[in-house]
Each structure stands twice: as C-alpha cells, then as structure tokens.
PDB file of all heavy atoms in Angstrom:
ATOM      1  N   ASP A   1      10.175 -14.431  11.583  1.00  0.00           N
ATOM      2  CA  ASP A   1       9.673 -15.805  11.640  1.00  0.00           C
ATOM      3  C   ASP A   1       9.044 -15.983  13.025  1.00  0.00           C
ATOM      4  O   ASP A   1       9.715 -15.807  14.037  1.00  0.00           O
ATOM      5  CB  ASP A   1      10.827 -16.775  11.431  1.00  0.00           C
ATOM      6  CG  ASP A   1      10.395 -18.228  11.426  1.00  0.00           C
ATOM      7  OD1 ASP A   1       9.733 -18.654  12.402  1.00  0.00           O
ATOM      8  OD2 ASP A   1      10.740 -18.941  10.474  1.00  0.00           O
ATOM      9  N   GLU A   2       7.767 -16.345  13.080  1.00  0.00           N
ATOM     10  CA  GLU A   2       7.067 -16.392  14.350  1.00  0.00           C
ATOM     11  C   GLU A   2       7.500 -17.548  15.244  1.00  0.00           C
ATOM     12  O   GLU A   2       7.233 -17.530  16.446  1.00  0.00           O
ATOM     13  CB  GLU A   2       5.560 -16.450  14.109  1.00  0.00           C
ATOM     14  CG  GLU A   2       4.995 -15.162  13.527  1.00  0.00           C
ATOM     15  CD  GLU A   2       3.485 -15.213  13.361  1.00  0.00           C
ATOM     16  OE1 GLU A   2       2.825 -16.002  14.074  1.00  0.00           O
ATOM     17  OE2 GLU A   2       2.962 -14.483  12.495  1.00  0.00           O
ATOM     18  N   LEU A   3       8.190 -18.496  14.699  1.00  0.00           N
ATOM     19  CA  LEU A   3       8.672 -19.597  15.513  1.00  0.00           C
ATOM     20  C   LEU A   3      10.027 -19.280  16.151  1.00  0.00           C
ATOM     21  O   LEU A   3      10.298 -19.688  17.273  1.00  0.00           O
ATOM     22  CB  LEU A   3       8.791 -20.881  14.668  1.00  0.00           C
ATOM     23  CG  LEU A   3       9.192 -22.157  15.411  1.00  0.00           C
ATOM     24  CD1 LEU A   3       8.134 -22.520  16.456  1.00  0.00           C
ATOM     25  CD2 LEU A   3       9.389 -23.316  14.431  1.00  0.00           C
ATOM     26  N   THR A   4      10.847 -18.489  15.445  1.00  0.00           N
ATOM     27  CA  THR A   4      12.215 -18.256  15.918  1.00  0.00           C
ATOM     28  C   THR A   4      12.535 -16.812  16.252  1.00  0.00           C
ATOM     29  O   THR A   4      13.491 -16.547  16.973  1.00  0.00           O
ATOM     30  CB  THR A   4      13.221 -18.716  14.841  1.00  0.00           C
ATOM     31  OG1 THR A   4      13.083 -17.865  13.678  1.00  0.00           O
ATOM     32  CG2 THR A   4      12.981 -20.170  14.457  1.00  0.00           C
ATOM     33  N   GLY A   5      11.794 -15.866  15.680  1.00  0.00           N
ATOM     34  CA  GLY A   5      12.136 -14.457  15.833  1.00  0.00           C
ATOM     35  C   GLY A   5      13.170 -13.978  14.840  1.00  0.00           C
ATOM     36  O   GLY A   5      13.630 -12.822  14.925  1.00  0.00           O
ATOM     37  N   ALA A   6      13.587 -14.832  13.891  1.00  0.00           N
ATOM     38  CA  ALA A   6      14.554 -14.428  12.875  1.00  0.00           C
ATOM     39  C   ALA A   6      13.935 -13.400  11.939  1.00  0.00           C
ATOM     40  O   ALA A   6      12.775 -13.539  11.518  1.00  0.00           O
ATOM     41  CB  ALA A   6      15.023 -15.643  12.091  1.00  0.00           C
ATOM     42  N   VAL A   7      14.700 -12.384  11.592  1.00  0.00           N
ATOM     43  CA  VAL A   7      14.240 -11.368  10.649  1.00  0.00           C
ATOM     44  C   VAL A   7      14.201 -11.994   9.265  1.00  0.00           C
ATOM     45  O   VAL A   7      15.120 -12.734   8.867  1.00  0.00           O
ATOM     46  CB  VAL A   7      15.185 -10.149  10.678  1.00  0.00           C
ATOM     47  CG1 VAL A   7      14.776  -9.134   9.623  1.00  0.00           C
ATOM     48  CG2 VAL A   7      15.179  -9.500  12.070  1.00  0.00           C
ATOM     49  N   THR A   8      13.155 -11.680   8.501  1.00  0.00           N
ATOM     50  CA  THR A   8      12.981 -12.299   7.176  1.00  0.00           C
ATOM     51  C   THR A   8      13.066 -11.268   6.062  1.00  0.00           C
ATOM     52  O   THR A   8      12.887 -10.069   6.259  1.00  0.00           O
ATOM     53  CB  THR A   8      11.654 -13.044   7.075  1.00  0.00           C
ATOM     54  OG1 THR A   8      10.566 -12.104   7.167  1.00  0.00           O
ATOM     55  CG2 THR A   8      11.502 -14.073   8.194  1.00  0.00           C
ATOM     56  N   THR A   9      13.301 -11.781   4.875  1.00  0.00           N
ATOM     57  CA  THR A   9      13.297 -10.968   3.656  1.00  0.00           C
ATOM     58  C   THR A   9      11.871 -10.881   3.114  1.00  0.00           C
ATOM     59  O   THR A   9      10.968 -11.602   3.582  1.00  0.00           O
ATOM     60  CB  THR A   9      14.185 -11.606   2.586  1.00  0.00           C
ATOM     61  OG1 THR A   9      13.569 -12.851   2.166  1.00  0.00           O
ATOM     62  CG2 THR A   9      15.573 -11.888   3.125  1.00  0.00           C
ATOM     63  N   PRO A  10      11.626 -10.021   2.125  1.00  0.00           N
ATOM     64  CA  PRO A  10      10.296 -10.002   1.500  1.00  0.00           C
ATOM     65  C   PRO A  10       9.854 -11.335   0.954  1.00  0.00           C
ATOM     66  O   PRO A  10       8.655 -11.609   0.844  1.00  0.00           O
ATOM     67  CB  PRO A  10      10.435  -8.938   0.402  1.00  0.00           C
ATOM     68  CG  PRO A  10      11.497  -8.014   0.917  1.00  0.00           C
ATOM     69  CD  PRO A  10      12.475  -8.915   1.626  1.00  0.00           C
ATOM     70  N   ALA A  11      10.801 -12.198   0.618  1.00  0.00           N
ATOM     71  CA  ALA A  11      10.469 -13.536   0.103  1.00  0.00           C
ATOM     72  C   ALA A  11      10.178 -14.522   1.218  1.00  0.00           C
ATOM     73  O   ALA A  11       9.841 -15.689   0.946  1.00  0.00           O
ATOM     74  CB  ALA A  11      11.610 -14.053  -0.763  1.00  0.00           C
ATOM     75  N   GLY A  12      10.304 -14.089   2.466  1.00  0.00           N
ATOM     76  CA  GLY A  12      10.013 -14.967   3.606  1.00  0.00           C
ATOM     77  C   GLY A  12      11.188 -15.791   4.081  1.00  0.00           C
ATOM     78  O   GLY A  12      11.031 -16.671   4.933  1.00  0.00           O
ATOM     79  N   GLU A  13      12.376 -15.535   3.571  1.00  0.00           N
ATOM     80  CA  GLU A  13      13.558 -16.279   3.975  1.00  0.00           C
ATOM     81  C   GLU A  13      14.220 -15.594   5.167  1.00  0.00           C
ATOM     82  O   GLU A  13      14.321 -14.380   5.221  1.00  0.00           O
ATOM     83  CB  GLU A  13      14.547 -16.373   2.812  1.00  0.00           C
ATOM     84  CG  GLU A  13      14.009 -17.090   1.591  1.00  0.00           C
ATOM     85  CD  GLU A  13      14.957 -17.026   0.402  1.00  0.00           C
ATOM     86  OE1 GLU A  13      15.944 -16.249   0.497  1.00  0.00           O
ATOM     87  OE2 GLU A  13      14.726 -17.735  -0.578  1.00  0.00           O
ATOM     88  N   SER A  14      14.670 -16.377   6.136  1.00  0.00           N
ATOM     89  CA  SER A  14      15.337 -15.826   7.305  1.00  0.00           C
ATOM     90  C   SER A  14      16.709 -15.278   6.926  1.00  0.00           C
ATOM     91  O   SER A  14      17.438 -15.899   6.139  1.00  0.00           O
ATOM     92  CB  SER A  14      15.495 -16.894   8.380  1.00  0.00           C
ATOM     93  OG  SER A  14      14.233 -17.301   8.861  1.00  0.00           O
ATOM     94  N   ILE A  15      17.054 -14.120   7.492  1.00  0.00           N
ATOM     95  CA  ILE A  15      18.387 -13.558   7.301  1.00  0.00           C
ATOM     96  C   ILE A  15      19.303 -14.181   8.356  1.00  0.00           C
ATOM     97  O   ILE A  15      19.078 -13.989   9.558  1.00  0.00           O
ATOM     98  CB  ILE A  15      18.365 -12.026   7.430  1.00  0.00           C
ATOM     99  CG1 ILE A  15      17.471 -11.413   6.359  1.00  0.00           C
ATOM    100  CG2 ILE A  15      19.781 -11.446   7.372  1.00  0.00           C
ATOM    101  CD1 ILE A  15      17.306  -9.913   6.460  1.00  0.00           C
ATOM    102  N   PRO A  16      20.299 -14.949   7.956  1.00  0.00           N
ATOM    103  CA  PRO A  16      21.143 -15.648   8.948  1.00  0.00           C
ATOM    104  C   PRO A  16      21.792 -14.666   9.921  1.00  0.00           C
ATOM    105  O   PRO A  16      22.313 -13.616   9.514  1.00  0.00           O
ATOM    106  CB  PRO A  16      22.192 -16.350   8.085  1.00  0.00           C
ATOM    107  CG  PRO A  16      21.574 -16.463   6.724  1.00  0.00           C
ATOM    108  CD  PRO A  16      20.715 -15.244   6.573  1.00  0.00           C
ATOM    109  N   GLY A  17      21.727 -15.006  11.191  1.00  0.00           N
ATOM    110  CA  GLY A  17      22.409 -14.208  12.206  1.00  0.00           C
ATOM    111  C   GLY A  17      21.659 -12.999  12.687  1.00  0.00           C
ATOM    112  O   GLY A  17      22.202 -12.231  13.490  1.00  0.00           O
ATOM    113  N   LEU A  18      20.414 -12.778  12.236  1.00  0.00           N
ATOM    114  CA  LEU A  18      19.700 -11.556  12.602  1.00  0.00           C
ATOM    115  C   LEU A  18      18.316 -11.876  13.158  1.00  0.00           C
ATOM    116  O   LEU A  18      17.514 -12.573  12.520  1.00  0.00           O
ATOM    117  CB  LEU A  18      19.546 -10.629  11.395  1.00  0.00           C
ATOM    118  CG  LEU A  18      18.961  -9.248  11.686  1.00  0.00           C
ATOM    119  CD1 LEU A  18      19.820  -8.469  12.658  1.00  0.00           C
ATOM    120  CD2 LEU A  18      18.772  -8.459  10.399  1.00  0.00           C
ATOM    121  N   TYR A  19      18.033 -11.334  14.347  1.00  0.00           N
ATOM    122  CA  TYR A  19      16.761 -11.529  15.033  1.00  0.00           C
ATOM    123  C   TYR A  19      16.221 -10.169  15.474  1.00  0.00           C
ATOM    124  O   TYR A  19      16.968  -9.196  15.574  1.00  0.00           O
ATOM    125  CB  TYR A  19      16.942 -12.447  16.239  1.00  0.00           C
ATOM    126  CG  TYR A  19      17.363 -13.846  15.867  1.00  0.00           C
ATOM    127  CD1 TYR A  19      18.685 -14.121  15.539  1.00  0.00           C
ATOM    128  CD2 TYR A  19      16.439 -14.883  15.810  1.00  0.00           C
ATOM    129  CE1 TYR A  19      19.080 -15.394  15.169  1.00  0.00           C
ATOM    130  CE2 TYR A  19      16.824 -16.156  15.432  1.00  0.00           C
ATOM    131  CZ  TYR A  19      18.138 -16.417  15.111  1.00  0.00           C
ATOM    132  OH  TYR A  19      18.509 -17.678  14.738  1.00  0.00           O
ATOM    133  N   ALA A  20      14.928 -10.121  15.757  1.00  0.00           N
ATOM    134  CA  ALA A  20      14.331  -8.874  16.230  1.00  0.00           C
ATOM    135  C   ALA A  20      13.251  -9.184  17.240  1.00  0.00           C
ATOM    136  O   ALA A  20      12.610 -10.251  17.210  1.00  0.00           O
ATOM    137  CB  ALA A  20      13.758  -8.055  15.078  1.00  0.00           C
ATOM    138  N   ALA A  21      13.038  -8.231  18.160  1.00  0.00           N
ATOM    139  CA  ALA A  21      12.061  -8.419  19.225  1.00  0.00           C
ATOM    140  C   ALA A  21      11.509  -7.065  19.663  1.00  0.00           C
ATOM    141  O   ALA A  21      12.067  -6.019  19.348  1.00  0.00           O
ATOM    142  CB  ALA A  21      12.707  -9.131  20.413  1.00  0.00           C
ATOM    143  N   GLY A  22      10.412  -7.127  20.410  1.00  0.00           N
ATOM    144  CA  GLY A  22       9.789  -5.904  20.897  1.00  0.00           C
ATOM    145  C   GLY A  22       9.172  -5.105  19.771  1.00  0.00           C
ATOM    146  O   GLY A  22       8.768  -5.653  18.746  1.00  0.00           O
ATOM    147  N   ARG A  23       9.106  -3.800  19.916  1.00  0.00           N
ATOM    148  CA  ARG A  23       8.425  -2.978  18.926  1.00  0.00           C
ATOM    149  C   ARG A  23       9.248  -2.748  17.664  1.00  0.00           C
ATOM    150  O   ARG A  23       8.766  -2.138  16.718  1.00  0.00           O
ATOM    151  CB  ARG A  23       8.005  -1.640  19.538  1.00  0.00           C
ATOM    152  CG  ARG A  23       7.012  -1.771  20.666  1.00  0.00           C
ATOM    153  CD  ARG A  23       5.586  -2.131  20.207  1.00  0.00           C
ATOM    154  NE  ARG A  23       5.457  -3.388  19.542  1.00  0.00           N
ATOM    155  CZ  ARG A  23       5.454  -4.601  20.120  1.00  0.00           C
ATOM    156  NH1 ARG A  23       5.574  -4.713  21.407  1.00  0.00           N
ATOM    157  NH2 ARG A  23       5.322  -5.683  19.417  1.00  0.00           N
ATOM    158  N   THR A  24      10.471  -3.248  17.645  1.00  0.00           N
ATOM    159  CA  THR A  24      11.221  -3.230  16.384  1.00  0.00           C
ATOM    160  C   THR A  24      10.633  -4.234  15.403  1.00  0.00           C
ATOM    161  O   THR A  24      10.785  -4.097  14.192  1.00  0.00           O
ATOM    162  CB  THR A  24      12.714  -3.555  16.648  1.00  0.00           C
ATOM    163  OG1 THR A  24      13.233  -2.567  17.547  1.00  0.00           O
ATOM    164  CG2 THR A  24      13.535  -3.530  15.375  1.00  0.00           C
ATOM    165  N   ALA A  25       9.944  -5.228  15.924  1.00  0.00           N
ATOM    166  CA  ALA A  25       9.371  -6.302  15.114  1.00  0.00           C
ATOM    167  C   ALA A  25       7.848  -6.276  15.175  1.00  0.00           C
ATOM    168  O   ALA A  25       7.252  -5.780  16.124  1.00  0.00           O
ATOM    169  CB  ALA A  25       9.878  -7.662  15.611  1.00  0.00           C
ATOM    170  N   ILE A  26       7.239  -6.824  14.162  1.00  0.00           N
ATOM    171  CA  ILE A  26       5.796  -7.043  14.201  1.00  0.00           C
ATOM    172  C   ILE A  26       5.503  -8.164  15.186  1.00  0.00           C
ATOM    173  O   ILE A  26       6.178  -9.206  15.188  1.00  0.00           O
ATOM    174  CB  ILE A  26       5.272  -7.391  12.794  1.00  0.00           C
ATOM    175  CG1 ILE A  26       5.285  -6.129  11.915  1.00  0.00           C
ATOM    176  CG2 ILE A  26       3.870  -7.987  12.853  1.00  0.00           C
ATOM    177  CD1 ILE A  26       4.887  -6.381  10.489  1.00  0.00           C
ATOM    178  N   GLY A  27       4.493  -7.944  16.032  1.00  0.00           N
ATOM    179  CA  GLY A  27       4.209  -8.940  17.056  1.00  0.00           C
ATOM    180  C   GLY A  27       2.748  -9.003  17.427  1.00  0.00           C
ATOM    181  O   GLY A  27       1.856  -8.660  16.626  1.00  0.00           O
ATOM    182  N   LEU A  28       2.487  -9.399  18.650  1.00  0.00           N
ATOM    183  CA  LEU A  28       1.133  -9.678  19.111  1.00  0.00           C
ATOM    184  C   LEU A  28       0.202  -8.490  18.988  1.00  0.00           C
ATOM    185  O   LEU A  28      -1.000  -8.665  18.744  1.00  0.00           O
ATOM    186  CB  LEU A  28       1.181 -10.129  20.587  1.00  0.00           C
ATOM    187  CG  LEU A  28       1.806 -11.499  20.866  1.00  0.00           C
ATOM    188  CD1 LEU A  28       2.147 -11.611  22.336  1.00  0.00           C
ATOM    189  CD2 LEU A  28       0.855 -12.622  20.446  1.00  0.00           C
ATOM    190  N   CYS A  29       0.702  -7.288  19.188  1.00  0.00           N
ATOM    191  CA  CYS A  29      -0.198  -6.136  19.242  1.00  0.00           C
ATOM    192  C   CYS A  29      -0.180  -5.292  17.964  1.00  0.00           C
ATOM    193  O   CYS A  29      -0.603  -4.123  17.997  1.00  0.00           O
ATOM    194  CB  CYS A  29       0.125  -5.275  20.459  1.00  0.00           C
ATOM    195  SG  CYS A  29       1.845  -4.806  20.630  1.00  0.00           S
ATOM    196  N   VAL A  30       0.258  -5.857  16.841  1.00  0.00           N
ATOM    197  CA  VAL A  30       0.340  -5.046  15.631  1.00  0.00           C
ATOM    198  C   VAL A  30      -1.044  -4.594  15.137  1.00  0.00           C
ATOM    199  O   VAL A  30      -1.165  -3.556  14.490  1.00  0.00           O
ATOM    200  CB  VAL A  30       1.088  -5.805  14.509  1.00  0.00           C
ATOM    201  CG1 VAL A  30       0.272  -6.979  13.975  1.00  0.00           C
ATOM    202  CG2 VAL A  30       1.460  -4.858  13.382  1.00  0.00           C
ATOM    203  N   ASN A  31      -2.093  -5.340  15.434  1.00  0.00           N
ATOM    204  CA  ASN A  31      -3.439  -4.967  15.001  1.00  0.00           C
ATOM    205  C   ASN A  31      -4.200  -4.170  16.039  1.00  0.00           C
ATOM    206  O   ASN A  31      -4.918  -3.229  15.713  1.00  0.00           O
ATOM    207  CB  ASN A  31      -4.281  -6.214  14.661  1.00  0.00           C
ATOM    208  CG  ASN A  31      -3.894  -6.833  13.345  1.00  0.00           C
ATOM    209  OD1 ASN A  31      -3.269  -6.192  12.501  1.00  0.00           O
ATOM    210  ND2 ASN A  31      -4.275  -8.081  13.144  1.00  0.00           N
TER     211      ASN A  31
END
C-alpha cells in the first residue's frame, strides 16, 4: 500500500501486521 507500506494480497487487501520496505518491496525505482 503506497500510503502505509503495508504488504497487500493479490486482491489489494493489506495483510494485518506486515509491512515491507526497500528492495523487498516495489517502490520508486521499479521502472
């Protein structure tokens, strides 16, 4: 979730209690 950093499911729902950052997550430089 780009507002919170919460990890999401394929349906776009946040997984409670789980966040990701850096290159583990898709971010500013993915393209």
